[in-house]
Amino acid sequence: MESNSLPIVADRIRELVAESEAAALSSADKALQAGRLLAEAKAQCRHGEWLPFLASAGIRERRARQYMQIATSGLKSATVADLGGIRAALEFLALRAKAEEALVEALEAMAAGRRGLEGLRKALEVSDALADMFPERMREGMRRSNADKDAERTALRVADILDPAPLPARQ
């Protein structure tokens, strides 16, 4: 490749990347639309009609559930595309549910008079993993900084010093 052709190659690369990103966004949008239509259709189906309906629509039951899950998740087309598509968005949703569960457990432990710090740590680690699923350009502000992590470790150590007694068994 000659050096004078580099600007032409750069322009072509820019065009191809833009087309690829537009296609990903369009694909995510169509998947969300399909999910919403599937949810509407399922609500209209009587007992025993759903699987035959899916067969007539040319979609497997598992894939239909995935589309409906994405459509009802509150995720936008751009987010689904940024995550890398349907499969990655489903992984994101599973991880988000895990983070929410850890946070609820920690808050319940604190409300019951137990320390919920381990649960909070787990929720924060999962939230970092959620941030890692996004493209690097979007991660700023999502991940906790090292200072935040250092403060968290210090708080956990102080809590252990102030209350070194083991936690009561969970019932």
N, C-alpha and C. Protein backbone atom coordinates (compact mmCIF):
# COMPACT_ATOMS: atom_id res chain seq x y z
N MET A 1 0.84 -1.17 0.00
CA MET A 1 0.00 0.00 0.00
C MET A 1 0.89 1.24 0.00
N GLU A 2 0.60 2.11 -0.88
CA GLU A 2 1.39 3.34 -0.97
C GLU A 2 0.89 4.36 0.04
N SER A 3 1.81 5.20 0.51
CA SER A 3 1.45 6.17 1.55
C SER A 3 0.42 7.19 1.06
N ASN A 4 0.40 7.48 -0.24
CA ASN A 4 -0.58 8.45 -0.73
C ASN A 4 -1.99 7.86 -0.79
N SER A 5 -2.12 6.54 -0.64
CA SER A 5 -3.45 5.93 -0.63
C SER A 5 -4.01 5.82 0.80
N LEU A 6 -3.21 6.13 1.80
CA LEU A 6 -3.68 6.02 3.18
C LEU A 6 -4.91 6.87 3.49
N PRO A 7 -5.00 8.11 3.04
CA PRO A 7 -6.23 8.88 3.31
C PRO A 7 -7.47 8.22 2.69
N ILE A 8 -7.32 7.61 1.53
CA ILE A 8 -8.44 6.92 0.89
C ILE A 8 -8.85 5.70 1.71
N VAL A 9 -7.87 4.95 2.18
CA VAL A 9 -8.13 3.77 3.01
C VAL A 9 -8.80 4.20 4.33
N ALA A 10 -8.30 5.27 4.93
CA ALA A 10 -8.88 5.77 6.18
C ALA A 10 -10.34 6.15 5.98
N ASP A 11 -10.66 6.81 4.86
CA ASP A 11 -12.05 7.18 4.57
C ASP A 11 -12.92 5.94 4.43
N ARG A 12 -12.39 4.93 3.74
CA ARG A 12 -13.17 3.70 3.53
C ARG A 12 -13.40 2.97 4.86
N ILE A 13 -12.39 2.94 5.70
CA ILE A 13 -12.53 2.32 7.02
C ILE A 13 -13.60 3.05 7.82
N ARG A 14 -13.55 4.38 7.81
CA ARG A 14 -14.53 5.18 8.54
C ARG A 14 -15.95 4.85 8.04
N GLU A 15 -16.13 4.74 6.73
CA GLU A 15 -17.44 4.41 6.16
C GLU A 15 -17.91 3.03 6.62
N LEU A 16 -17.01 2.06 6.56
CA LEU A 16 -17.37 0.69 6.93
C LEU A 16 -17.72 0.58 8.41
N VAL A 17 -16.97 1.25 9.27
CA VAL A 17 -17.26 1.21 10.70
C VAL A 17 -18.61 1.87 10.98
N ALA A 18 -18.87 2.99 10.34
CA ALA A 18 -20.16 3.67 10.53
C ALA A 18 -21.31 2.78 10.07
N GLU A 19 -21.13 2.11 8.93
CA GLU A 19 -22.17 1.19 8.44
C GLU A 19 -22.37 0.03 9.39
N SER A 20 -21.28 -0.50 9.92
CA SER A 20 -21.35 -1.62 10.86
C SER A 20 -22.09 -1.21 12.13
N GLU A 21 -21.78 -0.03 12.66
CA GLU A 21 -22.45 0.44 13.87
C GLU A 21 -23.93 0.73 13.61
N ALA A 22 -24.25 1.25 12.45
CA ALA A 22 -25.65 1.50 12.10
C ALA A 22 -26.41 0.18 11.97
N ALA A 23 -25.77 -0.84 11.41
CA ALA A 23 -26.40 -2.15 11.27
C ALA A 23 -26.64 -2.77 12.64
N ALA A 24 -25.69 -2.62 13.57
CA ALA A 24 -25.86 -3.17 14.92
C ALA A 24 -27.03 -2.49 15.62
N LEU A 25 -27.14 -1.19 15.48
CA LEU A 25 -28.24 -0.45 16.09
C LEU A 25 -29.58 -0.86 15.48
N SER A 26 -29.60 -1.00 14.16
CA SER A 26 -30.82 -1.43 13.47
C SER A 26 -31.22 -2.84 13.91
N SER A 27 -30.24 -3.72 14.05
CA SER A 27 -30.50 -5.09 14.48
C SER A 27 -31.09 -5.11 15.89
N ALA A 28 -30.51 -4.33 16.79
CA ALA A 28 -31.02 -4.26 18.17
C ALA A 28 -32.44 -3.70 18.18
N ASP A 29 -32.70 -2.67 17.38
CA ASP A 29 -34.03 -2.07 17.32
C ASP A 29 -35.05 -3.09 16.82
N LYS A 30 -34.69 -3.86 15.80
CA LYS A 30 -35.62 -4.86 15.25
C LYS A 30 -35.88 -5.98 16.26
N ALA A 31 -34.85 -6.36 17.02
CA ALA A 31 -35.02 -7.39 18.05
C ALA A 31 -35.98 -6.89 19.14
N LEU A 32 -35.84 -5.63 19.54
CA LEU A 32 -36.75 -5.06 20.55
C LEU A 32 -38.18 -5.00 20.01
N GLN A 33 -38.34 -4.61 18.76
CA GLN A 33 -39.67 -4.56 18.16
C GLN A 33 -40.28 -5.96 18.12
N ALA A 34 -39.47 -6.95 17.70
CA ALA A 34 -39.96 -8.32 17.65
C ALA A 34 -40.36 -8.80 19.03
N GLY A 35 -39.57 -8.46 20.04
CA GLY A 35 -39.90 -8.85 21.41
C GLY A 35 -41.21 -8.26 21.89
N ARG A 36 -41.43 -6.99 21.57
CA ARG A 36 -42.70 -6.35 21.96
C ARG A 36 -43.88 -7.02 21.25
N LEU A 37 -43.72 -7.30 19.95
CA LEU A 37 -44.80 -7.97 19.21
C LEU A 37 -45.06 -9.38 19.75
N LEU A 38 -43.97 -10.08 20.09
CA LEU A 38 -44.14 -11.42 20.66
C LEU A 38 -44.90 -11.36 21.98
N ALA A 39 -44.58 -10.39 22.82
CA ALA A 39 -45.27 -10.26 24.10
C ALA A 39 -46.76 -9.96 23.88
N GLU A 40 -47.05 -9.10 22.91
CA GLU A 40 -48.45 -8.79 22.60
C GLU A 40 -49.17 -10.03 22.09
N ALA A 41 -48.50 -10.77 21.21
CA ALA A 41 -49.11 -11.97 20.64
C ALA A 41 -49.34 -13.02 21.72
N LYS A 42 -48.38 -13.18 22.61
CA LYS A 42 -48.54 -14.19 23.68
C LYS A 42 -49.73 -13.85 24.56
N ALA A 43 -49.94 -12.56 24.82
CA ALA A 43 -51.07 -12.14 25.64
C ALA A 43 -52.40 -12.46 24.95
N GLN A 44 -52.40 -12.52 23.64
CA GLN A 44 -53.62 -12.80 22.89
C GLN A 44 -53.87 -14.30 22.70
N CYS A 45 -52.82 -15.10 22.84
CA CYS A 45 -52.96 -16.54 22.62
C CYS A 45 -53.70 -17.20 23.78
N ARG A 46 -54.58 -18.11 23.41
CA ARG A 46 -55.25 -18.92 24.43
C ARG A 46 -54.39 -20.14 24.71
N HIS A 47 -54.79 -20.89 25.73
CA HIS A 47 -54.04 -22.08 26.11
C HIS A 47 -53.83 -23.00 24.91
N GLY A 48 -52.59 -23.38 24.68
CA GLY A 48 -52.27 -24.30 23.60
C GLY A 48 -52.00 -23.63 22.26
N GLU A 49 -52.18 -22.34 22.16
CA GLU A 49 -51.99 -21.64 20.88
C GLU A 49 -50.58 -21.06 20.71
N TRP A 50 -49.85 -20.89 21.81
CA TRP A 50 -48.57 -20.18 21.76
C TRP A 50 -47.53 -20.90 20.90
N LEU A 51 -47.30 -22.17 21.15
CA LEU A 51 -46.27 -22.89 20.38
C LEU A 51 -46.63 -22.98 18.89
N PRO A 52 -47.88 -23.28 18.55
CA PRO A 52 -48.22 -23.24 17.12
C PRO A 52 -48.04 -21.85 16.51
N PHE A 53 -48.35 -20.81 17.30
CA PHE A 53 -48.14 -19.45 16.81
C PHE A 53 -46.66 -19.22 16.51
N LEU A 54 -45.80 -19.62 17.44
CA LEU A 54 -44.35 -19.45 17.24
C LEU A 54 -43.88 -20.20 15.99
N ALA A 55 -44.40 -21.39 15.79
CA ALA A 55 -44.03 -22.16 14.60
C ALA A 55 -44.43 -21.41 13.33
N SER A 56 -45.63 -20.82 13.36
CA SER A 56 -46.08 -20.08 12.17
C SER A 56 -45.26 -18.80 11.97
N ALA A 57 -44.72 -18.25 13.08
CA ALA A 57 -43.89 -17.04 12.99
C ALA A 57 -42.43 -17.39 12.66
N GLY A 58 -42.11 -18.69 12.68
CA GLY A 58 -40.76 -19.11 12.33
C GLY A 58 -39.72 -18.81 13.41
N ILE A 59 -40.12 -18.90 14.68
CA ILE A 59 -39.18 -18.61 15.76
C ILE A 59 -39.31 -19.68 16.84
N ARG A 60 -38.18 -20.09 17.37
CA ARG A 60 -38.17 -21.08 18.44
C ARG A 60 -38.61 -20.44 19.76
N GLU A 61 -39.15 -21.26 20.64
CA GLU A 61 -39.67 -20.75 21.91
C GLU A 61 -38.57 -20.06 22.73
N ARG A 62 -37.40 -20.67 22.80
CA ARG A 62 -36.32 -20.08 23.59
C ARG A 62 -35.93 -18.69 23.06
N ARG A 63 -35.83 -18.58 21.74
CA ARG A 63 -35.46 -17.30 21.14
C ARG A 63 -36.56 -16.27 21.39
N ALA A 64 -37.82 -16.70 21.32
CA ALA A 64 -38.93 -15.79 21.59
C ALA A 64 -38.85 -15.26 23.03
N ARG A 65 -38.55 -16.16 23.99
CA ARG A 65 -38.40 -15.72 25.39
C ARG A 65 -37.28 -14.69 25.51
N GLN A 66 -36.18 -14.93 24.80
CA GLN A 66 -35.05 -13.99 24.86
C GLN A 66 -35.45 -12.62 24.31
N TYR A 67 -36.11 -12.60 23.17
CA TYR A 67 -36.55 -11.32 22.59
C TYR A 67 -37.51 -10.60 23.53
N MET A 68 -38.44 -11.35 24.13
CA MET A 68 -39.40 -10.74 25.04
C MET A 68 -38.70 -10.21 26.29
N GLN A 69 -37.71 -10.95 26.78
CA GLN A 69 -36.97 -10.50 27.96
C GLN A 69 -36.25 -9.18 27.67
N ILE A 70 -35.60 -9.10 26.53
CA ILE A 70 -34.91 -7.86 26.15
C ILE A 70 -35.92 -6.72 26.00
N ALA A 71 -37.04 -7.01 25.36
CA ALA A 71 -38.04 -5.96 25.10
C ALA A 71 -38.65 -5.42 26.39
N THR A 72 -38.77 -6.25 27.40
CA THR A 72 -39.40 -5.81 28.65
C THR A 72 -38.37 -5.35 29.69
N SER A 73 -37.10 -5.36 29.34
CA SER A 73 -36.04 -5.04 30.29
C SER A 73 -35.85 -3.55 30.53
N GLY A 74 -36.33 -2.75 29.61
CA GLY A 74 -36.10 -1.31 29.72
C GLY A 74 -34.83 -0.86 29.00
N LEU A 75 -34.07 -1.82 28.44
CA LEU A 75 -32.87 -1.44 27.69
C LEU A 75 -33.28 -0.79 26.37
N LYS A 76 -32.52 0.18 25.97
CA LYS A 76 -32.75 0.86 24.68
C LYS A 76 -31.94 0.17 23.59
N SER A 77 -32.31 0.40 22.35
CA SER A 77 -31.61 -0.19 21.20
C SER A 77 -30.12 0.11 21.24
N ALA A 78 -29.78 1.36 21.54
CA ALA A 78 -28.37 1.75 21.55
C ALA A 78 -27.60 0.99 22.63
N THR A 79 -28.24 0.75 23.77
CA THR A 79 -27.57 0.01 24.84
C THR A 79 -27.35 -1.43 24.43
N VAL A 80 -28.36 -2.05 23.83
CA VAL A 80 -28.22 -3.43 23.36
C VAL A 80 -27.10 -3.52 22.32
N ALA A 81 -27.05 -2.56 21.42
CA ALA A 81 -25.99 -2.55 20.40
C ALA A 81 -24.63 -2.33 21.04
N ASP A 82 -24.54 -1.39 21.97
CA ASP A 82 -23.26 -1.12 22.65
C ASP A 82 -22.76 -2.33 23.43
N LEU A 83 -23.69 -3.08 24.00
CA LEU A 83 -23.30 -4.27 24.75
C LEU A 83 -22.80 -5.37 23.82
N GLY A 84 -23.20 -5.34 22.57
CA GLY A 84 -22.75 -6.35 21.62
C GLY A 84 -23.86 -7.24 21.09
N GLY A 85 -25.10 -6.85 21.29
CA GLY A 85 -26.21 -7.62 20.74
C GLY A 85 -27.04 -8.32 21.80
N ILE A 86 -27.94 -9.18 21.32
CA ILE A 86 -28.90 -9.86 22.18
C ILE A 86 -28.22 -10.72 23.24
N ARG A 87 -27.30 -11.57 22.84
CA ARG A 87 -26.66 -12.47 23.79
C ARG A 87 -25.96 -11.69 24.91
N ALA A 88 -25.21 -10.67 24.54
CA ALA A 88 -24.51 -9.87 25.54
C ALA A 88 -25.50 -9.10 26.42
N ALA A 89 -26.59 -8.63 25.84
CA ALA A 89 -27.60 -7.92 26.63
C ALA A 89 -28.25 -8.87 27.64
N LEU A 90 -28.48 -10.12 27.25
CA LEU A 90 -29.03 -11.10 28.18
C LEU A 90 -28.05 -11.39 29.32
N GLU A 91 -26.77 -11.47 28.99
CA GLU A 91 -25.74 -11.65 30.03
C GLU A 91 -25.73 -10.45 30.97
N PHE A 92 -25.84 -9.27 30.40
CA PHE A 92 -25.90 -8.04 31.19
C PHE A 92 -27.08 -8.08 32.15
N LEU A 93 -28.25 -8.48 31.65
CA LEU A 93 -29.45 -8.52 32.49
C LEU A 93 -29.30 -9.53 33.63
N ALA A 94 -28.69 -10.67 33.35
CA ALA A 94 -28.47 -11.67 34.39
C ALA A 94 -27.52 -11.13 35.46
N LEU A 95 -26.47 -10.47 35.02
CA LEU A 95 -25.51 -9.90 35.95
C LEU A 95 -26.13 -8.76 36.76
N ARG A 96 -26.97 -7.96 36.09
CA ARG A 96 -27.66 -6.87 36.79
C ARG A 96 -28.58 -7.42 37.88
N ALA A 97 -29.27 -8.52 37.58
CA ALA A 97 -30.14 -9.15 38.58
C ALA A 97 -29.32 -9.66 39.76
N LYS A 98 -28.14 -10.19 39.47
CA LYS A 98 -27.25 -10.69 40.53
C LYS A 98 -26.80 -9.52 41.43
N ALA A 99 -26.47 -8.39 40.84
CA ALA A 99 -26.05 -7.22 41.62
C ALA A 99 -27.21 -6.72 42.49
N GLU A 100 -28.40 -6.67 41.92
CA GLU A 100 -29.57 -6.21 42.68
C GLU A 100 -29.85 -7.14 43.84
N GLU A 101 -29.73 -8.45 43.60
CA GLU A 101 -29.95 -9.44 44.65
C GLU A 101 -28.94 -9.28 45.79
N ALA A 102 -27.67 -9.08 45.44
CA ALA A 102 -26.63 -8.89 46.46
C ALA A 102 -26.90 -7.63 47.28
N LEU A 103 -27.33 -6.58 46.62
CA LEU A 103 -27.62 -5.33 47.32
C LEU A 103 -28.81 -5.50 48.26
N VAL A 104 -29.85 -6.16 47.81
CA VAL A 104 -31.03 -6.39 48.65
C VAL A 104 -30.63 -7.22 49.87
N GLU A 105 -29.83 -8.27 49.67
CA GLU A 105 -29.38 -9.09 50.79
C GLU A 105 -28.60 -8.25 51.80
N ALA A 106 -27.72 -7.39 51.32
CA ALA A 106 -26.92 -6.55 52.21
C ALA A 106 -27.81 -5.60 52.99
N LEU A 107 -28.77 -4.99 52.33
CA LEU A 107 -29.67 -4.06 53.01
C LEU A 107 -30.55 -4.77 54.03
N GLU A 108 -31.00 -5.98 53.68
CA GLU A 108 -31.81 -6.75 54.63
C GLU A 108 -30.98 -7.12 55.86
N ALA A 109 -29.72 -7.48 55.64
CA ALA A 109 -28.84 -7.83 56.77
C ALA A 109 -28.65 -6.63 57.68
N MET A 110 -28.44 -5.46 57.09
CA MET A 110 -28.26 -4.25 57.89
C MET A 110 -29.54 -3.90 58.65
N ALA A 111 -30.68 -4.06 58.00
CA ALA A 111 -31.96 -3.75 58.64
C ALA A 111 -32.23 -4.69 59.81
N ALA A 112 -31.71 -5.92 59.72
CA ALA A 112 -31.90 -6.91 60.79
C ALA A 112 -30.83 -6.77 61.87
N GLY A 113 -29.97 -5.75 61.77
CA GLY A 113 -28.96 -5.53 62.78
C GLY A 113 -27.67 -6.30 62.55
N ARG A 114 -27.55 -6.92 61.41
CA ARG A 114 -26.31 -7.63 61.07
C ARG A 114 -25.52 -6.76 60.12
N ARG A 115 -24.26 -7.05 60.03
CA ARG A 115 -23.44 -6.32 59.06
C ARG A 115 -23.74 -6.85 57.66
N GLY A 116 -23.93 -5.97 56.75
CA GLY A 116 -24.18 -6.36 55.37
C GLY A 116 -23.02 -6.00 54.47
N LEU A 117 -21.85 -5.79 55.06
CA LEU A 117 -20.72 -5.31 54.27
C LEU A 117 -20.27 -6.30 53.20
N GLU A 118 -20.30 -7.57 53.51
CA GLU A 118 -19.88 -8.56 52.51
C GLU A 118 -20.83 -8.53 51.31
N GLY A 119 -22.11 -8.40 51.59
CA GLY A 119 -23.09 -8.29 50.50
C GLY A 119 -22.88 -7.03 49.68
N LEU A 120 -22.55 -5.93 50.36
CA LEU A 120 -22.28 -4.69 49.62
C LEU A 120 -21.04 -4.85 48.75
N ARG A 121 -20.01 -5.50 49.29
CA ARG A 121 -18.80 -5.73 48.50
C ARG A 121 -19.14 -6.55 47.25
N LYS A 122 -19.94 -7.59 47.43
CA LYS A 122 -20.33 -8.44 46.31
C LYS A 122 -21.11 -7.62 45.26
N ALA A 123 -22.03 -6.79 45.73
CA ALA A 123 -22.82 -5.96 44.81
C ALA A 123 -21.92 -5.00 44.04
N LEU A 124 -20.93 -4.41 44.72
CA LEU A 124 -20.01 -3.49 44.05
C LEU A 124 -19.14 -4.21 43.03
N GLU A 125 -18.70 -5.42 43.35
CA GLU A 125 -17.88 -6.18 42.39
C GLU A 125 -18.70 -6.52 41.15
N VAL A 126 -19.95 -6.91 41.36
CA VAL A 126 -20.81 -7.23 40.23
C VAL A 126 -21.09 -5.97 39.41
N SER A 127 -21.25 -4.83 40.07
CA SER A 127 -21.49 -3.59 39.31
C SER A 127 -20.26 -3.23 38.48
N ASP A 128 -19.06 -3.52 38.98
CA ASP A 128 -17.85 -3.31 38.17
C ASP A 128 -17.86 -4.22 36.94
N ALA A 129 -18.29 -5.47 37.14
CA ALA A 129 -18.37 -6.40 36.02
C ALA A 129 -19.39 -5.92 34.99
N LEU A 130 -20.48 -5.33 35.46
CA LEU A 130 -21.47 -4.77 34.53
C LEU A 130 -20.85 -3.66 33.69
N ALA A 131 -20.10 -2.78 34.34
CA ALA A 131 -19.45 -1.68 33.62
C ALA A 131 -18.48 -2.21 32.58
N ASP A 132 -17.80 -3.31 32.91
CA ASP A 132 -16.81 -3.88 31.98
C ASP A 132 -17.46 -4.42 30.71
N MET A 133 -18.75 -4.65 30.72
CA MET A 133 -19.43 -5.18 29.54
C MET A 133 -19.61 -4.12 28.45
N PHE A 134 -19.50 -2.85 28.83
CA PHE A 134 -19.69 -1.78 27.87
C PHE A 134 -18.37 -1.46 27.17
N PRO A 135 -18.45 -0.87 25.98
CA PRO A 135 -17.22 -0.44 25.30
C PRO A 135 -16.46 0.56 26.17
N GLU A 136 -15.17 0.57 26.04
CA GLU A 136 -14.31 1.41 26.89
C GLU A 136 -14.73 2.87 26.87
N ARG A 137 -15.16 3.37 25.72
CA ARG A 137 -15.52 4.79 25.61
C ARG A 137 -16.69 5.15 26.51
N MET A 138 -17.46 4.17 26.94
CA MET A 138 -18.63 4.42 27.77
C MET A 138 -18.39 4.16 29.25
N ARG A 139 -17.27 3.56 29.59
CA ARG A 139 -17.04 3.10 30.97
C ARG A 139 -16.73 4.20 31.97
N GLU A 140 -16.23 5.33 31.49
CA GLU A 140 -15.85 6.38 32.43
C GLU A 140 -17.05 6.76 33.28
N GLY A 141 -16.84 6.76 34.57
CA GLY A 141 -17.92 7.08 35.49
C GLY A 141 -18.73 5.87 35.92
N MET A 142 -18.57 4.75 35.22
CA MET A 142 -19.31 3.55 35.60
C MET A 142 -18.56 2.75 36.65
N ARG A 143 -17.27 2.58 36.45
CA ARG A 143 -16.47 1.77 37.37
C ARG A 143 -16.04 2.61 38.56
N ARG A 144 -15.90 1.94 39.67
CA ARG A 144 -15.40 2.61 40.85
C ARG A 144 -13.91 2.87 40.67
N SER A 145 -13.44 3.98 41.15
CA SER A 145 -12.02 4.30 41.05
C SER A 145 -11.25 3.52 42.11
N ASN A 146 -9.93 3.51 41.98
CA ASN A 146 -9.10 2.86 43.00
C ASN A 146 -9.31 3.51 44.35
N ALA A 147 -9.52 4.82 44.37
CA ALA A 147 -9.76 5.51 45.64
C ALA A 147 -11.04 4.99 46.29
N ASP A 148 -12.08 4.75 45.47
CA ASP A 148 -13.32 4.20 46.01
C ASP A 148 -13.09 2.82 46.59
N LYS A 149 -12.31 2.00 45.87
CA LYS A 149 -12.02 0.65 46.34
C LYS A 149 -11.19 0.69 47.62
N ASP A 150 -10.23 1.61 47.68
CA ASP A 150 -9.42 1.75 48.89
C ASP A 150 -10.29 2.17 50.07
N ALA A 151 -11.21 3.10 49.83
CA ALA A 151 -12.11 3.56 50.89
C ALA A 151 -13.01 2.41 51.36
N GLU A 152 -13.45 1.60 50.42
CA GLU A 152 -14.29 0.46 50.77
C GLU A 152 -13.51 -0.54 51.64
N ARG A 153 -12.28 -0.84 51.26
CA ARG A 153 -11.46 -1.76 52.05
C ARG A 153 -11.22 -1.21 53.46
N THR A 154 -10.95 0.08 53.53
CA THR A 154 -10.73 0.71 54.84
C THR A 154 -12.00 0.63 55.69
N ALA A 155 -13.14 0.91 55.10
CA ALA A 155 -14.41 0.84 55.84
C ALA A 155 -14.66 -0.57 56.35
N LEU A 156 -14.35 -1.57 55.53
CA LEU A 156 -14.53 -2.95 55.97
C LEU A 156 -13.61 -3.29 57.13
N ARG A 157 -12.37 -2.82 57.08
CA ARG A 157 -11.42 -3.06 58.18
C ARG A 157 -11.89 -2.37 59.47
N VAL A 158 -12.35 -1.12 59.35
CA VAL A 158 -12.84 -0.39 60.52
C VAL A 158 -14.04 -1.12 61.11
N ALA A 159 -14.93 -1.59 60.27
CA ALA A 159 -16.11 -2.31 60.75
C ALA A 159 -15.70 -3.57 61.49
N ASP A 160 -14.70 -4.28 61.00
CA ASP A 160 -14.21 -5.48 61.68
C ASP A 160 -13.61 -5.13 63.03
N ILE A 161 -12.91 -4.02 63.13
CA ILE A 161 -12.31 -3.61 64.39
C ILE A 161 -13.39 -3.22 65.39
N LEU A 162 -14.39 -2.49 64.92
CA LEU A 162 -15.46 -2.03 65.82
C LEU A 162 -16.39 -3.15 66.24
N ASP A 163 -16.59 -4.12 65.37
CA ASP A 163 -17.51 -5.21 65.66
C ASP A 163 -16.90 -6.52 65.19
N PRO A 164 -15.91 -7.05 65.93
CA PRO A 164 -15.22 -8.26 65.47
C PRO A 164 -16.01 -9.54 65.71
N ALA A 165 -17.15 -9.45 66.39
CA ALA A 165 -17.92 -10.66 66.68
C ALA A 165 -18.45 -11.26 65.38
N PRO A 166 -18.48 -12.58 65.31
CA PRO A 166 -19.01 -13.22 64.10
C PRO A 166 -20.50 -12.92 63.95
N LEU A 167 -20.93 -12.92 62.74
CA LEU A 167 -22.34 -12.68 62.46
C LEU A 167 -23.16 -13.88 62.90
N PRO A 168 -24.38 -13.65 63.39
CA PRO A 168 -25.23 -14.79 63.75
C PRO A 168 -25.59 -15.58 62.49
N ALA A 169 -25.90 -16.85 62.69
CA ALA A 169 -26.27 -17.71 61.56
C ALA A 169 -27.55 -17.18 60.94
N ARG A 170 -27.59 -17.23 59.63
CA ARG A 170 -28.75 -16.74 58.88
C ARG A 170 -29.84 -17.80 58.91
N GLN A 171 -31.07 -17.37 59.12
CA GLN A 171 -32.17 -18.33 59.20
C GLN A 171 -33.04 -18.26 58.00
